[in-house]
Amino acid sequence: MIKNMLLSAAAGAMLLGGATVAMAATGEFDNMCAMGLALDKEVETDCSVNAEYDGKTYCFGNEKAKEIFMKNPEKNLEKAEAAYSRKHEDNM
């Protein structure tokens, strides 16, 4: 009986974990950290830390990156767009 309870708990935890990942947002720049791009670095994220600006969702590697980006989103977005374009011009 204990074995069945442990298996059920483990299965539930895996399902919950999968649901959490599925609920993460999808953002601009292929989910790369917008602040990272503003600093000319590519940082992949799962977009669990995100913010909306001007009707679009931007992803961040952590809360600190989001905080810094949102202090001056226009300027940082300009830098991020330029870096993303440079790094991905072959794919456009």
Protein backbone atom coordinates (compact mmCIF):
# COMPACT_ATOMS: atom_id res chain seq x y z
CA MET A 1 0.00 0.00 0.00
CA ILE A 2 2.81 2.41 0.83
CA LYS A 3 4.46 1.59 -2.50
CA ASN A 4 1.24 2.49 -4.35
CA MET A 5 0.96 5.77 -2.44
CA LEU A 6 4.57 6.66 -3.27
CA LEU A 7 4.06 5.84 -6.94
CA SER A 8 0.90 7.96 -7.03
CA ALA A 9 2.69 10.86 -5.34
CA ALA A 10 5.61 10.62 -7.75
CA ALA A 11 3.29 10.50 -10.77
CA GLY A 12 1.36 13.52 -9.48
CA ALA A 13 4.56 15.48 -8.94
CA MET A 14 5.71 14.76 -12.49
CA LEU A 15 2.36 15.84 -13.92
CA LEU A 16 2.41 19.03 -11.88
CA GLY A 17 5.96 19.76 -13.00
CA GLY A 18 4.99 19.25 -16.63
CA ALA A 19 1.99 21.52 -16.25
CA THR A 20 4.18 24.25 -14.76
CA VAL A 21 6.51 24.15 -17.76
CA ALA A 22 3.58 24.17 -20.17
CA MET A 23 2.17 27.27 -18.46
CA ALA A 24 5.36 29.31 -18.92
CA ALA A 25 4.92 32.28 -21.24
CA THR A 26 6.22 32.55 -24.76
CA GLY A 27 8.12 35.71 -25.45
CA GLU A 28 9.92 37.78 -28.01
CA PHE A 29 13.47 36.96 -29.15
CA ASP A 30 12.81 33.19 -29.07
CA ASN A 31 12.47 33.34 -25.26
CA MET A 32 16.01 34.66 -24.81
CA CYS A 33 16.62 37.05 -21.91
CA ALA A 34 15.85 40.55 -23.16
CA MET A 35 18.32 42.12 -20.70
CA GLY A 36 20.98 39.64 -21.75
CA LEU A 37 20.48 40.71 -25.37
CA ALA A 38 20.65 44.37 -24.32
CA LEU A 39 24.10 43.48 -22.94
CA ASP A 40 24.92 41.66 -26.23
CA LYS A 41 24.70 38.19 -24.67
CA GLU A 42 22.41 35.30 -25.56
CA VAL A 43 20.82 33.81 -22.46
CA GLU A 44 18.17 31.16 -23.07
CA THR A 45 15.23 31.13 -20.66
CA ASP A 46 12.07 29.13 -20.02
CA CYS A 47 10.27 32.50 -19.85
CA SER A 48 8.96 31.82 -16.35
CA VAL A 49 10.29 35.28 -15.43
CA ASN A 50 8.68 37.69 -17.86
CA ALA A 51 7.15 41.13 -18.28
CA GLU A 52 4.81 42.72 -20.75
CA TYR A 53 5.83 45.94 -22.42
CA ASP A 54 4.00 47.67 -25.24
CA GLY A 55 1.74 44.64 -25.72
CA LYS A 56 4.57 42.11 -26.06
CA THR A 57 6.00 39.60 -23.60
CA TYR A 58 9.72 39.66 -22.85
CA CYS A 59 11.55 36.90 -21.01
CA PHE A 60 14.33 37.22 -18.45
CA GLY A 61 16.89 34.89 -16.93
CA ASN A 62 16.01 36.08 -13.41
CA GLU A 63 14.13 38.76 -11.47
CA LYS A 64 17.17 41.06 -11.27
CA ALA A 65 17.54 41.12 -15.07
CA LYS A 66 13.83 41.95 -15.37
CA GLU A 67 14.14 44.73 -12.79
CA ILE A 68 17.11 46.31 -14.56
CA PHE A 69 15.46 46.04 -17.98
CA MET A 70 12.21 47.63 -16.78
CA LYS A 71 14.02 50.68 -15.36
CA ASN A 72 14.52 51.86 -18.94
CA PRO A 73 12.62 49.50 -21.26
CA GLU A 74 12.78 51.71 -24.37
CA LYS A 75 16.56 52.00 -24.35
CA ASN A 76 17.10 48.37 -23.35
CA LEU A 77 14.66 47.12 -25.97
CA GLU A 78 16.48 49.12 -28.64
CA LYS A 79 19.76 47.45 -27.65
CA ALA A 80 18.15 43.99 -27.43
CA GLU A 81 16.56 44.31 -30.88
CA ALA A 82 19.85 45.39 -32.42
CA ALA A 83 21.77 42.52 -30.82
CA TYR A 84 19.12 39.96 -31.78
CA SER A 85 19.11 41.20 -35.38
CA ARG A 86 22.91 41.02 -35.60
CA LYS A 87 23.08 37.54 -34.16
CA HIS A 88 20.18 36.15 -36.20
CA GLU A 89 20.44 38.00 -39.52
CA ASP A 90 21.31 34.73 -41.31
CA ASN A 91 18.00 33.23 -40.14
CA MET A 92 15.88 36.19 -41.27
